[in-house]
Amino acid sequence: MDRSEAAGTGAGARGDQRIVKPPSMVELAARSIRRMILAGELLPGERVVENRLTQQLNISRPPLREALRRLEHEGLVRQSPHRGAVVTPLTLHDVYEIMTLRHQLENMAIDLGIPVVEPRRLERCWEALRRMEAAADARDEAELSEQKFEFHTAVVGLSGHQRLEETYRSLQLQMKLCMVLNRHARAHRNETATANVLRHRRLLRVIEEGDPDAVRAEMARHGDQTFLDDLPGDLDAGSEQAVRWLRGVQAEDAGSGTAV
């Protein structure tokens, strides 16, 4: 064995023995607050009270504030000198921006990632689907929602474009914040968990076939009608542009019965 092979063997041995660091207090705090927001325990527009959270999470202010900065970067929290941190308030215009941008990012991912050239990227999608199936079998709605999030992120990951995926992941978190506006939208009133999984399996089969136009058509059938129909009637419009957009989408999807 020459020197380079010996060095490689040593590196491999050390790599196999890597110790994964436990999550920091900041990561744990961010995870806990994120879960509260996405579960609807902290609602859009609601103030995030630091004193309450330091006691609830048993942490000091510095890691809590760093966690809030991370959530601000994700678009889940807004901070101001006068009010402090609040869960990001939403108007219909915010929903319009989030959903139209999400669709554009998905289209970009299809342009870059279909047909699939890296089998490991496709396997990541199948792994997420298998976790969805397990959650559906266990009737775990929260886990099913989380794995559906990971599935769609993995589909965007087919592009091999890291910045696109990171942008999409952040936007998906904001999409989940939108869905907190109406708990029924997340439950997909007219769709069982099994049907939800089958719909995503069908999308993945179309992706495997490698036709970008067919993937776009299948993604369009996923639709947003259930979520949009369930938006609160008293939601601030924010702009006439958003109102026109919503009317257009509802007219286009009327009677389709599709779900997010």
C-alpha atoms as a PDB file:
ATOM      1  CA  MET A   1       0.000   0.000   0.000  1.00  0.00           C
ATOM      2  CA  ASP A   2       1.482   3.363  -0.996  1.00  0.00           C
ATOM      3  CA  ARG A   3       1.331   6.558   1.050  1.00  0.00           C
ATOM      4  CA  SER A   4      -1.742   7.956  -0.697  1.00  0.00           C
ATOM      5  CA  GLU A   5      -3.702   4.742  -0.114  1.00  0.00           C
ATOM      6  CA  ALA A   6      -2.685   4.685   3.533  1.00  0.00           C
ATOM      7  CA  ALA A   7      -3.728   8.288   3.938  1.00  0.00           C
ATOM      8  CA  GLY A   8      -7.049   7.556   2.296  1.00  0.00           C
ATOM      9  CA  THR A   9      -7.639   4.573   4.565  1.00  0.00           C
ATOM     10  CA  GLY A  10      -6.921   6.647   7.643  1.00  0.00           C
ATOM     11  CA  ALA A  11      -9.234   9.410   6.468  1.00  0.00           C
ATOM     12  CA  GLY A  12     -11.960   6.884   5.801  1.00  0.00           C
ATOM     13  CA  ALA A  13     -11.561   5.349   9.236  1.00  0.00           C
ATOM     14  CA  ARG A  14     -11.742   8.729  10.877  1.00  0.00           C
ATOM     15  CA  GLY A  15     -14.756   9.618   8.738  1.00  0.00           C
ATOM     16  CA  ASP A  16     -16.594   6.496   9.908  1.00  0.00           C
ATOM     17  CA  GLN A  17     -16.028   7.520  13.521  1.00  0.00           C
ATOM     18  CA  ARG A  18     -17.276  11.090  13.198  1.00  0.00           C
ATOM     19  CA  ILE A  19     -19.254  12.279  16.168  1.00  0.00           C
ATOM     20  CA  VAL A  20     -22.432  14.168  15.316  1.00  0.00           C
ATOM     21  CA  LYS A  21     -22.799  17.170  17.586  1.00  0.00           C
ATOM     22  CA  PRO A  22     -26.083  17.466  19.465  1.00  0.00           C
ATOM     23  CA  PRO A  23     -28.264  20.430  18.469  1.00  0.00           C
ATOM     24  CA  SER A  24     -27.402  23.712  20.147  1.00  0.00           C
ATOM     25  CA  MET A  25     -29.750  25.641  22.419  1.00  0.00           C
ATOM     26  CA  VAL A  26     -30.379  28.025  19.530  1.00  0.00           C
ATOM     27  CA  GLU A  27     -31.376  25.159  17.207  1.00  0.00           C
ATOM     28  CA  LEU A  28     -33.624  23.594  19.848  1.00  0.00           C
ATOM     29  CA  ALA A  29     -35.305  26.930  20.569  1.00  0.00           C
ATOM     30  CA  ALA A  30     -35.825  27.680  16.875  1.00  0.00           C
ATOM     31  CA  ARG A  31     -37.274  24.202  16.342  1.00  0.00           C
ATOM     32  CA  SER A  32     -39.673  24.579  19.284  1.00  0.00           C
ATOM     33  CA  ILE A  33     -40.912  28.024  18.282  1.00  0.00           C
ATOM     34  CA  ARG A  34     -41.239  26.982  14.648  1.00  0.00           C
ATOM     35  CA  ARG A  35     -43.374  24.043  15.740  1.00  0.00           C
ATOM     36  CA  MET A  36     -45.577  26.352  17.846  1.00  0.00           C
ATOM     37  CA  ILE A  37     -46.117  28.648  14.865  1.00  0.00           C
ATOM     38  CA  LEU A  38     -46.852  25.910  12.348  1.00  0.00           C
ATOM     39  CA  ALA A  39     -49.165  24.145  14.806  1.00  0.00           C
ATOM     40  CA  GLY A  40     -51.176  27.343  15.222  1.00  0.00           C
ATOM     41  CA  GLU A  41     -50.219  27.817  18.879  1.00  0.00           C
ATOM     42  CA  LEU A  42     -48.738  31.180  17.891  1.00  0.00           C
ATOM     43  CA  LEU A  43     -50.899  32.825  15.227  1.00  0.00           C
ATOM     44  CA  PRO A  44     -49.972  35.282  12.467  1.00  0.00           C
ATOM     45  CA  GLY A  45     -49.746  38.772  13.928  1.00  0.00           C
ATOM     46  CA  GLU A  46     -49.394  37.500  17.508  1.00  0.00           C
ATOM     47  CA  ARG A  47     -46.588  38.916  19.640  1.00  0.00           C
ATOM     48  CA  VAL A  48     -43.803  36.532  20.659  1.00  0.00           C
ATOM     49  CA  VAL A  49     -43.312  37.206  24.376  1.00  0.00           C
ATOM     50  CA  GLU A  50     -39.663  36.606  25.278  1.00  0.00           C
ATOM     51  CA  ASN A  51     -40.240  36.321  29.040  1.00  0.00           C
ATOM     52  CA  ARG A  52     -42.809  33.589  28.511  1.00  0.00           C
ATOM     53  CA  LEU A  53     -40.605  31.644  26.090  1.00  0.00           C
ATOM     54  CA  THR A  54     -37.475  31.803  28.238  1.00  0.00           C
ATOM     55  CA  GLN A  55     -39.456  30.112  31.007  1.00  0.00           C
ATOM     56  CA  GLN A  56     -41.300  27.706  28.730  1.00  0.00           C
ATOM     57  CA  LEU A  57     -38.150  26.588  26.901  1.00  0.00           C
ATOM     58  CA  ASN A  58     -35.848  26.951  29.922  1.00  0.00           C
ATOM     59  CA  ILE A  59     -33.268  29.055  28.070  1.00  0.00           C
ATOM     60  CA  SER A  60     -31.721  32.488  28.495  1.00  0.00           C
ATOM     61  CA  ARG A  61     -32.427  35.502  26.296  1.00  0.00           C
ATOM     62  CA  PRO A  62     -29.297  35.397  24.063  1.00  0.00           C
ATOM     63  CA  PRO A  63     -30.014  31.973  22.458  1.00  0.00           C
ATOM     64  CA  LEU A  64     -33.717  32.815  22.278  1.00  0.00           C
ATOM     65  CA  ARG A  65     -33.008  36.019  20.367  1.00  0.00           C
ATOM     66  CA  GLU A  66     -30.650  34.212  18.011  1.00  0.00           C
ATOM     67  CA  ALA A  67     -33.394  31.624  17.407  1.00  0.00           C
ATOM     68  CA  LEU A  68     -35.839  34.422  16.600  1.00  0.00           C
ATOM     69  CA  ARG A  69     -33.354  35.886  14.124  1.00  0.00           C
ATOM     70  CA  ARG A  70     -33.227  32.503  12.364  1.00  0.00           C
ATOM     71  CA  LEU A  71     -37.008  32.388  12.198  1.00  0.00           C
ATOM     72  CA  GLU A  72     -37.030  35.930  10.863  1.00  0.00           C
ATOM     73  CA  HIS A  73     -34.704  34.794   8.071  1.00  0.00           C
ATOM     74  CA  GLU A  74     -37.184  31.985   7.303  1.00  0.00           C
ATOM     75  CA  GLY A  75     -40.016  34.512   7.055  1.00  0.00           C
ATOM     76  CA  LEU A  76     -41.930  33.142  10.051  1.00  0.00           C
ATOM     77  CA  VAL A  77     -41.199  36.051  12.396  1.00  0.00           C
ATOM     78  CA  ARG A  78     -40.864  39.801  12.005  1.00  0.00           C
ATOM     79  CA  GLN A  79     -39.007  41.990  14.460  1.00  0.00           C
ATOM     80  CA  SER A  80     -39.269  45.728  15.074  1.00  0.00           C
ATOM     81  CA  PRO A  81     -37.654  48.028  17.662  1.00  0.00           C
ATOM     82  CA  HIS A  82     -41.010  48.970  19.160  1.00  0.00           C
ATOM     83  CA  ARG A  83     -43.084  45.769  19.130  1.00  0.00           C
ATOM     84  CA  GLY A  84     -40.316  43.206  19.353  1.00  0.00           C
ATOM     85  CA  ALA A  85     -40.968  39.892  17.597  1.00  0.00           C
ATOM     86  CA  VAL A  86     -44.336  38.940  16.123  1.00  0.00           C
ATOM     87  CA  VAL A  87     -45.415  35.949  14.080  1.00  0.00           C
ATOM     88  CA  THR A  88     -45.437  37.237  10.510  1.00  0.00           C
ATOM     89  CA  PRO A  89     -48.868  38.774   9.847  1.00  0.00           C
ATOM     90  CA  LEU A  90     -50.418  37.800   6.541  1.00  0.00           C
ATOM     91  CA  THR A  91     -52.669  39.503   4.046  1.00  0.00           C
ATOM     92  CA  LEU A  92     -54.122  38.075   0.871  1.00  0.00           C
ATOM     93  CA  HIS A  93     -51.304  39.872  -0.965  1.00  0.00           C
ATOM     94  CA  ASP A  94     -48.762  37.904   1.101  1.00  0.00           C
ATOM     95  CA  VAL A  95     -50.529  34.666   0.141  1.00  0.00           C
ATOM     96  CA  TYR A  96     -50.503  35.783  -3.504  1.00  0.00           C
ATOM     97  CA  GLU A  97     -46.743  36.480  -3.422  1.00  0.00           C
ATOM     98  CA  ILE A  98     -45.888  33.235  -1.644  1.00  0.00           C
ATOM     99  CA  MET A  99     -47.975  31.004  -3.896  1.00  0.00           C
ATOM    100  CA  THR A 100     -47.040  32.596  -7.220  1.00  0.00           C
ATOM    101  CA  LEU A 101     -43.349  32.548  -6.328  1.00  0.00           C
ATOM    102  CA  ARG A 102     -43.610  28.922  -5.222  1.00  0.00           C
ATOM    103  CA  HIS A 103     -45.077  27.968  -8.594  1.00  0.00           C
ATOM    104  CA  GLN A 104     -42.289  29.763 -10.440  1.00  0.00           C
ATOM    105  CA  LEU A 105     -39.631  27.996  -8.364  1.00  0.00           C
ATOM    106  CA  GLU A 106     -41.272  24.633  -9.059  1.00  0.00           C
ATOM    107  CA  ASN A 107     -41.303  25.376 -12.789  1.00  0.00           C
ATOM    108  CA  MET A 108     -37.618  26.302 -12.655  1.00  0.00           C
ATOM    109  CA  ALA A 109     -36.869  23.030 -10.863  1.00  0.00           C
ATOM    110  CA  ILE A 110     -38.725  21.091 -13.570  1.00  0.00           C
ATOM    111  CA  ASP A 111     -36.727  22.886 -16.275  1.00  0.00           C
ATOM    112  CA  LEU A 112     -33.439  21.979 -14.569  1.00  0.00           C
ATOM    113  CA  GLY A 113     -34.251  18.552 -13.133  1.00  0.00           C
ATOM    114  CA  ILE A 114     -36.483  16.694 -15.596  1.00  0.00           C
ATOM    115  CA  PRO A 115     -35.580  14.210 -16.973  1.00  0.00           C
ATOM    116  CA  VAL A 116     -33.726  13.072 -13.862  1.00  0.00           C
ATOM    117  CA  VAL A 117     -30.013  12.521 -14.428  1.00  0.00           C
ATOM    118  CA  GLU A 118     -28.958  11.639 -10.860  1.00  0.00           C
ATOM    119  CA  PRO A 119     -30.648   8.486  -9.488  1.00  0.00           C
ATOM    120  CA  ARG A 120     -29.787   9.428  -5.894  1.00  0.00           C
ATOM    121  CA  ARG A 121     -31.895  12.583  -6.227  1.00  0.00           C
ATOM    122  CA  LEU A 122     -34.876  10.514  -7.312  1.00  0.00           C
ATOM    123  CA  GLU A 123     -34.286   8.068  -4.464  1.00  0.00           C
ATOM    124  CA  ARG A 124     -34.549  10.980  -2.029  1.00  0.00           C
ATOM    125  CA  CYS A 125     -38.077  11.593  -3.365  1.00  0.00           C
ATOM    126  CA  TRP A 126     -38.996   7.928  -2.914  1.00  0.00           C
ATOM    127  CA  GLU A 127     -37.642   7.962   0.642  1.00  0.00           C
ATOM    128  CA  ALA A 128     -39.867  10.945   1.472  1.00  0.00           C
ATOM    129  CA  LEU A 129     -42.844   9.162  -0.088  1.00  0.00           C
ATOM    130  CA  ARG A 130     -42.167   6.054   1.993  1.00  0.00           C
ATOM    131  CA  ARG A 131     -42.147   8.194   5.117  1.00  0.00           C
ATOM    132  CA  MET A 132     -45.439   9.703   3.994  1.00  0.00           C
ATOM    133  CA  GLU A 133     -46.877   6.203   3.658  1.00  0.00           C
ATOM    134  CA  ALA A 134     -45.687   5.274   7.143  1.00  0.00           C
ATOM    135  CA  ALA A 135     -47.253   8.432   8.598  1.00  0.00           C
ATOM    136  CA  ALA A 136     -50.523   7.736   6.781  1.00  0.00           C
ATOM    137  CA  ASP A 137     -50.561   4.149   8.101  1.00  0.00           C
ATOM    138  CA  ALA A 138     -49.943   5.480  11.617  1.00  0.00           C
ATOM    139  CA  ARG A 139     -52.629   8.151  11.141  1.00  0.00           C
ATOM    140  CA  ASP A 140     -50.080  10.747  12.193  1.00  0.00           C
ATOM    141  CA  GLU A 141     -51.363  13.942  10.534  1.00  0.00           C
ATOM    142  CA  ALA A 142     -48.492  16.117  11.761  1.00  0.00           C
ATOM    143  CA  GLU A 143     -45.844  13.710  10.443  1.00  0.00           C
ATOM    144  CA  LEU A 144     -47.704  13.312   7.161  1.00  0.00           C
ATOM    145  CA  SER A 145     -47.701  17.081   6.701  1.00  0.00           C
ATOM    146  CA  GLU A 146     -43.982  17.247   7.504  1.00  0.00           C
ATOM    147  CA  GLN A 147     -43.067  14.471   5.092  1.00  0.00           C
ATOM    148  CA  LYS A 148     -45.182  16.014   2.347  1.00  0.00           C
ATOM    149  CA  PHE A 149     -43.125  19.168   2.885  1.00  0.00           C
ATOM    150  CA  GLU A 150     -39.942  17.098   2.515  1.00  0.00           C
ATOM    151  CA  PHE A 151     -41.315  15.353  -0.569  1.00  0.00           C
ATOM    152  CA  HIS A 152     -41.942  18.613  -2.423  1.00  0.00           C
ATOM    153  CA  THR A 153     -38.560  19.954  -1.340  1.00  0.00           C
ATOM    154  CA  ALA A 154     -36.930  16.763  -2.662  1.00  0.00           C
ATOM    155  CA  VAL A 155     -38.751  17.218  -5.986  1.00  0.00           C
ATOM    156  CA  VAL A 156     -37.271  20.701  -6.253  1.00  0.00           C
ATOM    157  CA  GLY A 157     -33.934  19.137  -5.255  1.00  0.00           C
ATOM    158  CA  LEU A 158     -34.020  17.141  -8.510  1.00  0.00           C
ATOM    159  CA  SER A 159     -32.707  20.353 -10.072  1.00  0.00           C
ATOM    160  CA  GLY A 160     -29.351  19.945  -8.330  1.00  0.00           C
ATOM    161  CA  HIS A 161     -29.570  23.692  -7.618  1.00  0.00           C
ATOM    162  CA  GLN A 162     -28.815  24.231  -3.943  1.00  0.00           C
ATOM    163  CA  ARG A 163     -29.807  27.901  -3.789  1.00  0.00           C
ATOM    164  CA  LEU A 164     -33.091  27.143  -5.516  1.00  0.00           C
ATOM    165  CA  GLU A 165     -33.824  24.414  -2.996  1.00  0.00           C
ATOM    166  CA  GLU A 166     -32.919  26.617  -0.034  1.00  0.00           C
ATOM    167  CA  THR A 167     -35.170  29.392  -1.332  1.00  0.00           C
ATOM    168  CA  TYR A 168     -37.990  26.921  -1.892  1.00  0.00           C
ATOM    169  CA  ARG A 169     -37.605  25.419   1.592  1.00  0.00           C
ATOM    170  CA  SER A 170     -37.915  28.855   3.196  1.00  0.00           C
ATOM    171  CA  LEU A 171     -40.934  29.650   1.025  1.00  0.00           C
ATOM    172  CA  GLN A 172     -42.570  26.321   1.897  1.00  0.00           C
ATOM    173  CA  LEU A 173     -42.318  27.255   5.574  1.00  0.00           C
ATOM    174  CA  GLN A 174     -44.146  30.485   4.762  1.00  0.00           C
ATOM    175  CA  MET A 175     -46.711  28.456   2.815  1.00  0.00           C
ATOM    176  CA  LYS A 176     -47.297  26.371   5.929  1.00  0.00           C
ATOM    177  CA  LEU A 177     -47.744  29.617   7.853  1.00  0.00           C
ATOM    178  CA  CYS A 178     -50.448  30.555   5.337  1.00  0.00           C
ATOM    179  CA  MET A 179     -52.179  27.259   6.035  1.00  0.00           C
ATOM    180  CA  VAL A 180     -52.301  28.077   9.752  1.00  0.00           C
ATOM    181  CA  LEU A 181     -54.896  30.668   8.739  1.00  0.00           C
ATOM    182  CA  ASN A 182     -57.325  27.796   8.353  1.00  0.00           C
ATOM    183  CA  ARG A 183     -56.747  24.478  10.077  1.00  0.00           C
ATOM    184  CA  HIS A 184     -59.192  22.745   7.715  1.00  0.00           C
ATOM    185  CA  ALA A 185     -56.996  23.477   4.707  1.00  0.00           C
ATOM    186  CA  ARG A 186     -54.220  21.347   6.184  1.00  0.00           C
ATOM    187  CA  ALA A 187     -56.608  18.471   6.819  1.00  0.00           C
ATOM    188  CA  HIS A 188     -57.723  18.286   3.162  1.00  0.00           C
ATOM    189  CA  ARG A 189     -61.384  17.906   4.020  1.00  0.00           C
ATOM    190  CA  ASN A 190     -62.286  15.780   1.015  1.00  0.00           C
ATOM    191  CA  GLU A 191     -59.177  13.604   0.858  1.00  0.00           C
ATOM    192  CA  THR A 192     -58.041  10.687   2.999  1.00  0.00           C
ATOM    193  CA  ALA A 193     -54.397  10.290   4.021  1.00  0.00           C
ATOM    194  CA  THR A 194     -54.149   7.264   1.730  1.00  0.00           C
ATOM    195  CA  ALA A 195     -55.481   9.238  -1.243  1.00  0.00           C
ATOM    196  CA  ASN A 196     -53.001  12.007  -0.433  1.00  0.00           C
ATOM    197  CA  VAL A 197     -50.106   9.535  -0.604  1.00  0.00           C
ATOM    198  CA  LEU A 198     -51.404   7.990  -3.832  1.00  0.00           C
ATOM    199  CA  ARG A 199     -51.600  11.431  -5.444  1.00  0.00           C
ATOM    200  CA  HIS A 200     -47.946  12.078  -4.603  1.00  0.00           C
ATOM    201  CA  ARG A 201     -46.978   8.594  -5.816  1.00  0.00           C
ATOM    202  CA  ARG A 202     -48.657   9.357  -9.138  1.00  0.00           C
ATOM    203  CA  LEU A 203     -46.652  12.584  -9.425  1.00  0.00           C
ATOM    204  CA  LEU A 204     -43.436  10.701  -8.753  1.00  0.00           C
ATOM    205  CA  ARG A 205     -44.252   8.115 -11.432  1.00  0.00           C
ATOM    206  CA  VAL A 206     -44.759  10.924 -13.932  1.00  0.00           C
ATOM    207  CA  ILE A 207     -41.424  12.427 -12.871  1.00  0.00           C
ATOM    208  CA  GLU A 208     -39.747   9.057 -13.501  1.00  0.00           C
ATOM    209  CA  GLU A 209     -41.089   9.036 -17.071  1.00  0.00           C
ATOM    210  CA  GLY A 210     -39.047  12.168 -17.718  1.00  0.00           C
ATOM    211  CA  ASP A 211     -41.433  14.418 -19.683  1.00  0.00           C
ATOM    212  CA  PRO A 212     -41.227  18.002 -18.285  1.00  0.00           C
ATOM    213  CA  ASP A 213     -44.592  19.021 -19.767  1.00  0.00           C
ATOM    214  CA  ALA A 214     -46.305  15.996 -18.230  1.00  0.00           C
ATOM    215  CA  VAL A 215     -44.754  16.835 -14.853  1.00  0.00           C
ATOM    216  CA  ARG A 216     -46.029  20.417 -15.115  1.00  0.00           C
ATOM    217  CA  ALA A 217     -49.505  19.158 -15.926  1.00  0.00           C
ATOM    218  CA  GLU A 218     -49.470  16.766 -12.975  1.00  0.00           C
ATOM    219  CA  MET A 219     -48.174  19.492 -10.650  1.00  0.00           C
ATOM    220  CA  ALA A 220     -51.001  21.755 -11.840  1.00  0.00           C
ATOM    221  CA  ARG A 221     -53.517  19.026 -10.945  1.00  0.00           C
ATOM    222  CA  HIS A 222     -52.148  19.122  -7.407  1.00  0.00           C
ATOM    223  CA  GLY A 223     -53.719  22.582  -7.337  1.00  0.00           C
ATOM    224  CA  ASP A 224     -54.433  24.971  -4.470  1.00  0.00           C
ATOM    225  CA  GLN A 225     -58.211  25.136  -4.576  1.00  0.00           C
ATOM    226  CA  THR A 226     -58.968  23.597  -1.171  1.00  0.00           C
ATOM    227  CA  PHE A 227     -56.572  25.941   0.590  1.00  0.00           C
ATOM    228  CA  LEU A 228     -57.808  29.031  -1.272  1.00  0.00           C
ATOM    229  CA  ASP A 229     -61.458  28.170  -0.676  1.00  0.00           C
ATOM    230  CA  ASP A 230     -60.743  27.945   3.046  1.00  0.00           C
ATOM    231  CA  LEU A 231     -59.084  31.352   3.432  1.00  0.00           C
ATOM    232  CA  PRO A 232     -60.793  33.399   6.174  1.00  0.00           C
ATOM    233  CA  GLY A 233     -63.356  35.822   4.814  1.00  0.00           C
ATOM    234  CA  ASP A 234     -62.022  38.645   6.973  1.00  0.00           C
ATOM    235  CA  LEU A 235     -58.442  38.332   5.687  1.00  0.00           C
ATOM    236  CA  ASP A 236     -57.083  41.767   4.777  1.00  0.00           C
ATOM    237  CA  ALA A 237     -56.758  41.956   0.985  1.00  0.00           C
ATOM    238  CA  GLY A 238     -53.527  43.951   0.983  1.00  0.00           C
ATOM    239  CA  SER A 239     -53.925  44.860  -2.701  1.00  0.00           C
ATOM    240  CA  GLU A 240     -56.386  44.808  -5.587  1.00  0.00           C
ATOM    241  CA  GLN A 241     -53.813  42.772  -7.503  1.00  0.00           C
ATOM    242  CA  ALA A 242     -54.166  39.944  -4.984  1.00  0.00           C
ATOM    243  CA  VAL A 243     -57.974  40.067  -5.159  1.00  0.00           C
ATOM    244  CA  ARG A 244     -57.893  39.801  -8.965  1.00  0.00           C
ATOM    245  CA  TRP A 245     -55.431  36.906  -8.737  1.00  0.00           C
ATOM    246  CA  LEU A 246     -57.629  34.983  -6.279  1.00  0.00           C
ATOM    247  CA  ARG A 247     -60.722  35.455  -8.436  1.00  0.00           C
ATOM    248  CA  GLY A 248     -58.790  34.255 -11.474  1.00  0.00           C
ATOM    249  CA  VAL A 249     -57.475  31.127  -9.749  1.00  0.00           C
ATOM    250  CA  GLN A 250     -60.877  30.263  -8.306  1.00  0.00           C
ATOM    251  CA  ALA A 251     -62.522  30.693 -11.702  1.00  0.00           C
ATOM    252  CA  GLU A 252     -59.890  28.523 -13.385  1.00  0.00           C
ATOM    253  CA  ASP A 253     -60.082  25.743 -10.792  1.00  0.00           C
ATOM    254  CA  ALA A 254     -63.829  25.830 -10.158  1.00  0.00           C
ATOM    255  CA  GLY A 255     -65.172  22.323  -9.880  1.00  0.00           C
ATOM    256  CA  SER A 256     -61.758  20.658 -10.160  1.00  0.00           C
ATOM    257  CA  GLY A 257     -61.762  19.288  -6.608  1.00  0.00           C
ATOM    258  CA  THR A 258     -57.968  19.299  -6.428  1.00  0.00           C
ATOM    259  CA  ALA A 259     -55.967  19.820  -3.231  1.00  0.00           C
ATOM    260  CA  VAL A 260     -52.558  21.136  -2.235  1.00  0.00           C
END
